[in-house]
Amino acid sequence: MLNPNIGKLIENYENRYRLVTDVAHGARKVAKKAEDAGDILIEKPVSIAIDNLACEIEEK
């Protein structure tokens, strides 16, 4: 997914703080997984986490 609309993501949250913490948590997971596997990420972990979160919300 390319550049999910932040407005659409925030609609699914009570507040922005929760959205930011979920994205940060997801980014840490992505970075840790890549580090453990020895992979080099081309895209930033935050971008990957936002895309993953947007996909999860669309599936609901």
Protein backbone atom coordinates (compact mmCIF):
# COMPACT_ATOMS: atom_id res chain seq x y z
CA MET A 1 0.00 0.00 0.00
CA LEU A 2 1.37 3.40 -0.87
CA ASN A 3 1.05 6.25 1.61
CA PRO A 4 -2.11 5.35 3.51
CA ASN A 5 -4.19 8.36 4.41
CA ILE A 6 -3.44 9.22 8.04
CA GLY A 7 -6.94 10.67 8.35
CA LYS A 8 -8.41 7.25 7.62
CA LEU A 9 -6.10 5.61 10.15
CA ILE A 10 -6.94 8.09 12.91
CA GLU A 11 -10.67 7.48 12.42
CA ASN A 12 -10.15 4.00 13.86
CA TYR A 13 -8.51 5.27 17.04
CA GLU A 14 -9.75 7.11 20.10
CA ASN A 15 -6.78 9.47 19.96
CA ARG A 16 -3.59 10.14 18.06
CA TYR A 17 -1.38 9.00 20.92
CA ARG A 18 -2.65 5.43 20.60
CA LEU A 19 -2.04 5.47 16.83
CA VAL A 20 1.52 6.73 17.35
CA THR A 21 2.27 4.10 20.00
CA ASP A 22 0.89 1.31 17.78
CA VAL A 23 3.01 2.48 14.84
CA ALA A 24 6.11 2.77 17.03
CA HIS A 25 5.55 -0.71 18.46
CA GLY A 26 5.13 -2.13 14.98
CA ALA A 27 8.25 -0.35 13.73
CA ARG A 28 10.31 -1.80 16.58
CA LYS A 29 9.05 -5.29 15.71
CA VAL A 30 9.92 -4.81 12.03
CA ALA A 31 13.41 -3.50 12.85
CA LYS A 32 14.10 -6.30 15.34
CA LYS A 33 12.92 -8.99 12.91
CA ALA A 34 15.12 -7.58 10.13
CA GLU A 35 18.11 -7.31 12.45
CA ASP A 36 17.71 -10.88 13.67
CA ALA A 37 17.44 -12.16 10.11
CA GLY A 38 20.37 -10.04 8.93
CA ASP A 39 18.22 -8.29 6.35
CA ILE A 40 18.82 -4.76 5.11
CA LEU A 41 15.63 -2.73 4.95
CA ILE A 42 15.20 -0.48 1.94
CA GLU A 43 12.08 1.11 3.38
CA LYS A 44 12.05 2.64 6.86
CA PRO A 45 10.52 0.53 9.63
CA VAL A 46 7.97 3.26 10.43
CA SER A 47 6.70 3.23 6.84
CA ILE A 48 6.40 -0.54 6.90
CA ALA A 49 4.56 -0.41 10.23
CA ILE A 50 2.09 2.20 8.91
CA ASP A 51 1.42 0.07 5.84
CA ASN A 52 0.90 -3.02 8.00
CA LEU A 53 -1.46 -1.14 10.29
CA ALA A 54 -3.44 0.20 7.32
CA CYS A 55 -3.78 -3.33 5.93
CA GLU A 56 -4.98 -4.63 9.28
CA ILE A 57 -7.61 -1.90 9.50
CA GLU A 58 -8.83 -2.58 5.93
CA GLU A 59 -9.29 -6.25 6.75
CA LYS A 60 -11.67 -5.44 9.61
